[in-house]
Amino acid sequence: MSRFADLLAGAEVHLITDKAAKSLSDTVTPVGLYAVCDRPSASLVDVLADRPQLVLVAVATSEPGNAGTLIRIADAMGADAVILTDDSVDPFNGKCLRASAGSVFSVPVLEAPDSRTLIAELRSAGLAVRATTLDAETSLDAVDLTRPTAWLFGSEAHGLASDVAALADERVRVPMWGGAESLNVAAAAAICLYESARTLRRG
């Protein structure tokens, strides 16, 4: 309580036992502070009504650390929303929350049950839907990033399913000049969102 005195000022505080604390945490060395709070609420209708310029879509992202990192990247690049679809992990999973480093509370994060329906809705809202694939003919360098864009990223293990990628307006690859066969999903997302955000900010 003394360590977090400033943070706890004005809050209703209850002391709990070590046993209770252990059952509430899934980390080996928890910080010792627990809170009951409401989830941020966001809806696709509201996000699209605000005419978003940059959206990150995580497709079938089952690893919570990756999902949290994608949320953090989207927040850092000024994205308008993150959408998890096709049985992706719960964005409020403990590991996902930690990986997001608080960004889950800074950028609208929502879930959509089906990527195909979602892609149609994003396109109807005026967004160019772009899929990242290793075998895409179009290089990121050649993409017109002045248009509002929704970027689709697949899972770390399997990438973006070909049938989902086929629904995008454009399939894009990040050019690589070294010997690595691929980038992990977080690196690819950071590069694509950075390029989009930089172009959009220049107007």
Protein backbone atom coordinates (compact mmCIF):
# COMPACT_ATOMS: atom_id res chain seq x y z
CA MET A 1 0.00 0.00 0.00
CA SER A 2 2.84 2.39 0.73
CA ARG A 3 4.53 1.63 -2.61
CA PHE A 4 1.37 2.49 -4.57
CA ALA A 5 0.07 5.22 -2.25
CA ASP A 6 -0.25 7.84 -5.01
CA LEU A 7 -2.04 5.44 -7.36
CA LEU A 8 -4.43 4.27 -4.64
CA ALA A 9 -5.36 7.74 -3.41
CA GLY A 10 -9.15 8.02 -3.41
CA ALA A 11 -9.71 4.37 -4.37
CA GLU A 12 -11.53 1.80 -2.28
CA VAL A 13 -8.80 -0.57 -1.09
CA HIS A 14 -9.05 -4.05 0.43
CA LEU A 15 -6.12 -6.06 1.71
CA ILE A 16 -6.06 -9.71 0.63
CA THR A 17 -4.08 -12.72 1.76
CA ASP A 18 -1.02 -14.09 -0.05
CA LYS A 19 -3.08 -17.16 -0.95
CA ALA A 20 -5.79 -15.06 -2.57
CA ALA A 21 -3.19 -12.98 -4.40
CA LYS A 22 -1.57 -16.10 -5.81
CA SER A 23 -4.89 -17.38 -7.16
CA LEU A 24 -5.59 -14.04 -8.86
CA SER A 25 -2.32 -13.87 -10.78
CA ASP A 26 -0.86 -16.03 -13.52
CA THR A 27 2.66 -14.62 -13.11
CA VAL A 28 5.39 -16.04 -10.89
CA THR A 29 6.21 -12.72 -9.22
CA PRO A 30 3.10 -10.52 -9.33
CA VAL A 31 3.41 -6.86 -8.44
CA GLY A 32 0.90 -7.26 -5.62
CA LEU A 33 -1.74 -4.85 -6.87
CA TYR A 34 -5.09 -6.09 -8.21
CA ALA A 35 -8.08 -4.19 -9.51
CA VAL A 36 -11.66 -4.83 -10.51
CA CYS A 37 -12.58 -2.69 -13.49
CA ASP A 38 -14.94 -2.43 -16.43
CA ARG A 39 -13.74 -3.39 -19.90
CA PRO A 40 -13.49 -0.51 -22.36
CA SER A 41 -16.44 -0.69 -24.72
CA ALA A 42 -16.04 -0.18 -28.45
CA SER A 43 -18.22 -1.17 -31.37
CA LEU A 44 -17.43 -1.54 -35.04
CA VAL A 45 -20.32 0.76 -35.94
CA ASP A 46 -18.88 3.56 -33.79
CA VAL A 47 -15.33 3.05 -35.04
CA LEU A 48 -16.40 3.15 -38.70
CA ALA A 49 -18.68 6.14 -38.11
CA ASP A 50 -15.61 8.14 -37.06
CA ARG A 51 -14.08 7.60 -40.54
CA PRO A 52 -10.91 5.79 -39.44
CA GLN A 53 -7.68 6.28 -41.38
CA LEU A 54 -5.69 3.32 -40.09
CA VAL A 55 -6.95 0.01 -38.69
CA LEU A 56 -5.05 -3.13 -37.72
CA VAL A 57 -6.90 -6.43 -38.18
CA ALA A 58 -5.45 -9.50 -36.45
CA VAL A 59 -6.79 -12.63 -38.16
CA ALA A 60 -6.79 -15.93 -36.22
CA THR A 61 -4.18 -14.62 -33.78
CA SER A 62 -4.18 -17.23 -31.03
CA GLU A 63 -0.97 -16.28 -29.19
CA PRO A 64 -1.80 -13.65 -26.54
CA GLY A 65 1.71 -12.17 -26.50
CA ASN A 66 1.51 -11.49 -30.23
CA ALA A 67 -1.97 -10.00 -29.94
CA GLY A 68 -0.87 -7.69 -27.14
CA THR A 69 2.19 -6.61 -29.09
CA LEU A 70 0.05 -5.83 -32.16
CA ILE A 71 -2.22 -3.68 -29.98
CA ARG A 72 0.80 -1.84 -28.63
CA ILE A 73 2.18 -1.24 -32.14
CA ALA A 74 -1.19 0.03 -33.37
CA ASP A 75 -1.42 2.44 -30.45
CA ALA A 76 2.14 3.69 -31.02
CA MET A 77 1.44 4.35 -34.71
CA GLY A 78 -1.79 6.22 -34.00
CA ALA A 79 -4.15 3.60 -35.43
CA ASP A 80 -7.84 4.24 -34.97
CA ALA A 81 -8.70 0.68 -33.92
CA VAL A 82 -7.52 -2.91 -33.56
CA ILE A 83 -9.92 -5.66 -34.57
CA LEU A 84 -9.36 -9.31 -33.66
CA THR A 85 -11.26 -11.78 -35.81
CA ASP A 86 -11.62 -15.48 -36.71
CA ASP A 87 -11.29 -16.99 -33.22
CA SER A 88 -8.43 -14.78 -32.14
CA VAL A 89 -7.39 -14.68 -28.50
CA ASP A 90 -9.39 -12.66 -25.96
CA PRO A 91 -7.68 -9.23 -25.94
CA PHE A 92 -8.28 -9.06 -22.19
CA ASN A 93 -6.38 -12.28 -21.55
CA GLY A 94 -3.79 -11.57 -18.83
CA LYS A 95 -0.78 -12.21 -21.05
CA CYS A 96 -2.28 -10.11 -23.84
CA LEU A 97 -2.91 -7.25 -21.44
CA ARG A 98 0.69 -7.31 -20.22
CA ALA A 99 2.09 -7.48 -23.76
CA SER A 100 -0.01 -4.46 -24.75
CA ALA A 101 1.71 -2.45 -21.96
CA GLY A 102 -1.52 -0.54 -21.31
CA SER A 103 -2.30 0.21 -24.95
CA VAL A 104 -5.45 -1.91 -24.77
CA PHE A 105 -6.87 1.03 -22.80
CA SER A 106 -5.62 3.68 -25.26
CA VAL A 107 -6.84 2.44 -28.64
CA PRO A 108 -10.28 0.92 -29.37
CA VAL A 109 -9.89 -2.88 -29.37
CA LEU A 110 -12.81 -4.96 -30.57
CA GLU A 111 -13.64 -8.44 -31.74
CA ALA A 112 -15.41 -9.52 -34.92
CA PRO A 113 -16.59 -13.11 -35.42
CA ASP A 114 -15.93 -13.44 -39.14
CA SER A 115 -13.16 -11.88 -41.27
CA ARG A 116 -15.16 -12.08 -44.50
CA THR A 117 -18.03 -10.00 -43.14
CA LEU A 118 -15.56 -7.64 -41.48
CA ILE A 119 -13.63 -7.04 -44.71
CA ALA A 120 -16.84 -6.13 -46.52
CA GLU A 121 -17.76 -3.66 -43.76
CA LEU A 122 -14.29 -2.08 -43.77
CA ARG A 123 -14.41 -1.67 -47.54
CA SER A 124 -17.91 -0.13 -47.35
CA ALA A 125 -16.52 2.42 -44.89
CA GLY A 126 -14.00 3.58 -47.50
CA LEU A 127 -10.95 1.72 -46.25
CA ALA A 128 -8.53 0.00 -48.60
CA VAL A 129 -8.10 -3.54 -47.27
CA ARG A 130 -4.51 -4.73 -47.59
CA ALA A 131 -3.25 -8.20 -46.76
CA THR A 132 0.34 -8.99 -45.87
CA THR A 133 1.64 -12.17 -47.54
CA LEU A 134 5.11 -13.51 -48.28
CA ASP A 135 4.33 -14.28 -51.91
CA ALA A 136 2.57 -11.03 -52.82
CA GLU A 137 3.62 -9.45 -56.11
CA THR A 138 3.23 -5.90 -54.77
CA SER A 139 6.03 -4.54 -52.60
CA LEU A 140 5.23 -2.16 -49.74
CA ASP A 141 7.37 0.43 -51.53
CA ALA A 142 4.91 0.50 -54.45
CA VAL A 143 1.68 0.82 -52.45
CA ASP A 144 -0.37 4.03 -52.46
CA LEU A 145 -0.61 4.64 -48.72
CA THR A 146 -2.45 7.95 -49.01
CA ARG A 147 -5.76 6.07 -48.78
CA PRO A 148 -7.20 5.08 -45.40
CA THR A 149 -6.12 1.49 -44.87
CA ALA A 150 -7.08 -1.59 -42.90
CA TRP A 151 -4.08 -3.94 -42.67
CA LEU A 152 -4.70 -7.68 -42.32
CA PHE A 153 -2.12 -9.74 -40.42
CA GLY A 154 -2.27 -13.50 -39.98
CA SER A 155 -1.09 -15.73 -37.18
CA GLU A 156 2.58 -16.14 -36.34
CA ALA A 157 2.53 -19.86 -37.10
CA HIS A 158 0.48 -20.01 -40.30
CA GLY A 159 0.36 -16.51 -41.71
CA LEU A 160 -2.77 -15.18 -43.37
CA ALA A 161 -5.07 -17.81 -44.86
CA SER A 162 -5.08 -17.63 -48.65
CA ASP A 163 -8.87 -17.39 -48.87
CA VAL A 164 -8.86 -14.39 -46.51
CA ALA A 165 -5.95 -12.74 -48.32
CA ALA A 166 -7.83 -13.17 -51.61
CA LEU A 167 -10.64 -10.97 -50.29
CA ALA A 168 -8.32 -7.99 -49.79
CA ASP A 169 -8.05 -5.17 -52.31
CA GLU A 170 -4.30 -5.66 -52.43
CA ARG A 171 -1.78 -8.23 -51.24
CA VAL A 172 1.49 -6.70 -50.07
CA ARG A 173 4.91 -8.01 -49.06
CA VAL A 174 7.57 -6.24 -47.01
CA PRO A 175 10.77 -6.21 -49.12
CA MET A 176 13.76 -7.90 -47.49
CA TRP A 177 17.35 -7.76 -48.67
CA GLY A 178 19.02 -10.07 -46.18
CA GLY A 179 19.01 -13.82 -45.71
CA ALA A 180 15.98 -14.19 -43.41
CA GLU A 181 13.05 -16.04 -44.94
CA SER A 182 10.40 -13.97 -43.19
CA LEU A 183 9.57 -11.44 -40.50
CA ASN A 184 7.54 -12.23 -37.43
CA VAL A 185 4.05 -10.73 -37.38
CA ALA A 186 4.95 -7.92 -34.97
CA ALA A 187 7.87 -6.76 -37.12
CA ALA A 188 5.78 -6.83 -40.29
CA ALA A 189 2.96 -4.93 -38.56
CA ALA A 190 5.32 -2.29 -37.21
CA ILE A 191 6.81 -1.66 -40.65
CA CYS A 192 3.47 -1.52 -42.48
CA LEU A 193 1.73 0.66 -39.91
CA TYR A 194 4.70 2.99 -39.65
CA GLU A 195 4.76 3.53 -43.40
CA SER A 196 0.98 4.10 -43.48
CA ALA A 197 1.04 6.47 -40.51
CA ARG A 198 3.98 8.44 -41.90
CA THR A 199 2.28 8.89 -45.26
CA LEU A 200 -1.07 9.85 -43.75
CA ARG A 201 0.55 12.39 -41.40
CA ARG A 202 2.29 14.07 -44.33
CA GLY A 203 -1.15 14.53 -45.88
